[in-house]
Amino acid sequence: MDFETFYNQHSLLLWLTVLWVLPWKGVALWKASKKNHLKWFIALLILNTFAGLEILYIFIFSEMKNKKGDKD
């Protein structure tokens, strides 16, 4: 099956996935950049986890305090 056939059969699912992932990724990247979490920023930018990693970062890891003064 080529991409065009796949897209024609599953375009709604693909668009819903994009609309789900992009806002989470944007917020997570924004928070990581504001907190100077370079390693998190790179991981969030490269890895595609269908927003799973982004949601964890936003609600858990970005709120954790680092013993080194919240540096990466």
Protein backbone atom coordinates (compact mmCIF):
# COMPACT_ATOMS: atom_id res chain seq x y z
CA MET A 1 0.00 0.00 0.00
CA ASP A 2 1.43 3.35 -0.99
CA PHE A 3 1.14 6.55 1.03
CA GLU A 4 -1.59 8.06 -1.14
CA THR A 5 -3.85 5.03 -0.67
CA PHE A 6 -3.11 4.94 3.05
CA TYR A 7 -3.81 8.66 3.39
CA ASN A 8 -7.08 8.42 1.48
CA GLN A 9 -8.27 5.56 3.68
CA HIS A 10 -7.08 7.00 7.02
CA SER A 11 -6.92 10.77 6.56
CA LEU A 12 -9.26 11.53 9.47
CA LEU A 13 -7.19 9.39 11.84
CA LEU A 14 -3.97 11.03 10.67
CA TRP A 15 -5.36 14.55 11.15
CA LEU A 16 -6.77 13.71 14.58
CA THR A 17 -3.36 12.37 15.59
CA VAL A 18 -1.64 15.55 14.40
CA LEU A 19 -4.18 17.73 16.21
CA TRP A 20 -3.64 15.71 19.40
CA VAL A 21 0.18 15.67 19.32
CA LEU A 22 1.09 19.21 18.23
CA PRO A 23 -0.37 21.18 21.15
CA TRP A 24 1.18 18.82 23.72
CA LYS A 25 4.54 18.91 21.96
CA GLY A 26 4.42 22.70 21.71
CA VAL A 27 3.67 23.19 25.41
CA ALA A 28 6.28 20.64 26.49
CA LEU A 29 8.97 22.19 24.28
CA TRP A 30 8.04 25.66 25.55
CA LYS A 31 8.33 24.59 29.20
CA ALA A 32 11.61 22.75 28.58
CA SER A 33 13.13 25.78 26.85
CA LYS A 34 11.97 28.19 29.58
CA LYS A 35 13.50 25.97 32.28
CA ASN A 36 16.73 25.47 30.27
CA HIS A 37 16.20 21.69 30.18
CA LEU A 38 18.28 21.07 27.06
CA LYS A 39 18.24 17.26 27.34
CA TRP A 40 14.47 17.22 27.74
CA PHE A 41 14.06 19.67 24.85
CA ILE A 42 16.10 17.46 22.52
CA ALA A 43 14.30 14.28 23.62
CA LEU A 44 10.87 15.87 23.21
CA LEU A 45 11.82 17.27 19.82
CA ILE A 46 13.16 13.99 18.43
CA LEU A 47 11.03 11.28 20.02
CA ASN A 48 7.48 10.75 18.84
CA THR A 49 5.48 9.08 21.59
CA PHE A 50 2.00 10.28 20.54
CA ALA A 51 2.17 12.91 23.29
CA GLY A 52 2.87 10.43 26.09
CA LEU A 53 6.33 11.75 26.95
CA GLU A 54 5.17 15.34 26.48
CA ILE A 55 2.28 14.91 28.92
CA LEU A 56 4.57 13.29 31.50
CA TYR A 57 7.08 16.12 31.15
CA ILE A 58 4.44 18.85 31.47
CA PHE A 59 2.74 17.47 34.56
CA ILE A 60 5.53 15.58 36.35
CA PHE A 61 9.11 16.20 35.28
CA SER A 62 8.91 19.94 34.63
CA GLU A 63 7.57 20.43 38.16
CA MET A 64 10.33 18.41 39.87
CA LYS A 65 13.11 20.36 41.52
CA ASN A 66 16.67 19.32 40.76
CA LYS A 67 19.21 19.17 43.58
CA LYS A 68 21.61 21.24 41.45
CA GLY A 69 19.32 24.28 41.45
CA ASP A 70 16.93 23.11 38.70
CA LYS A 71 19.62 22.98 36.02
CA ASP A 72 19.72 20.35 33.29
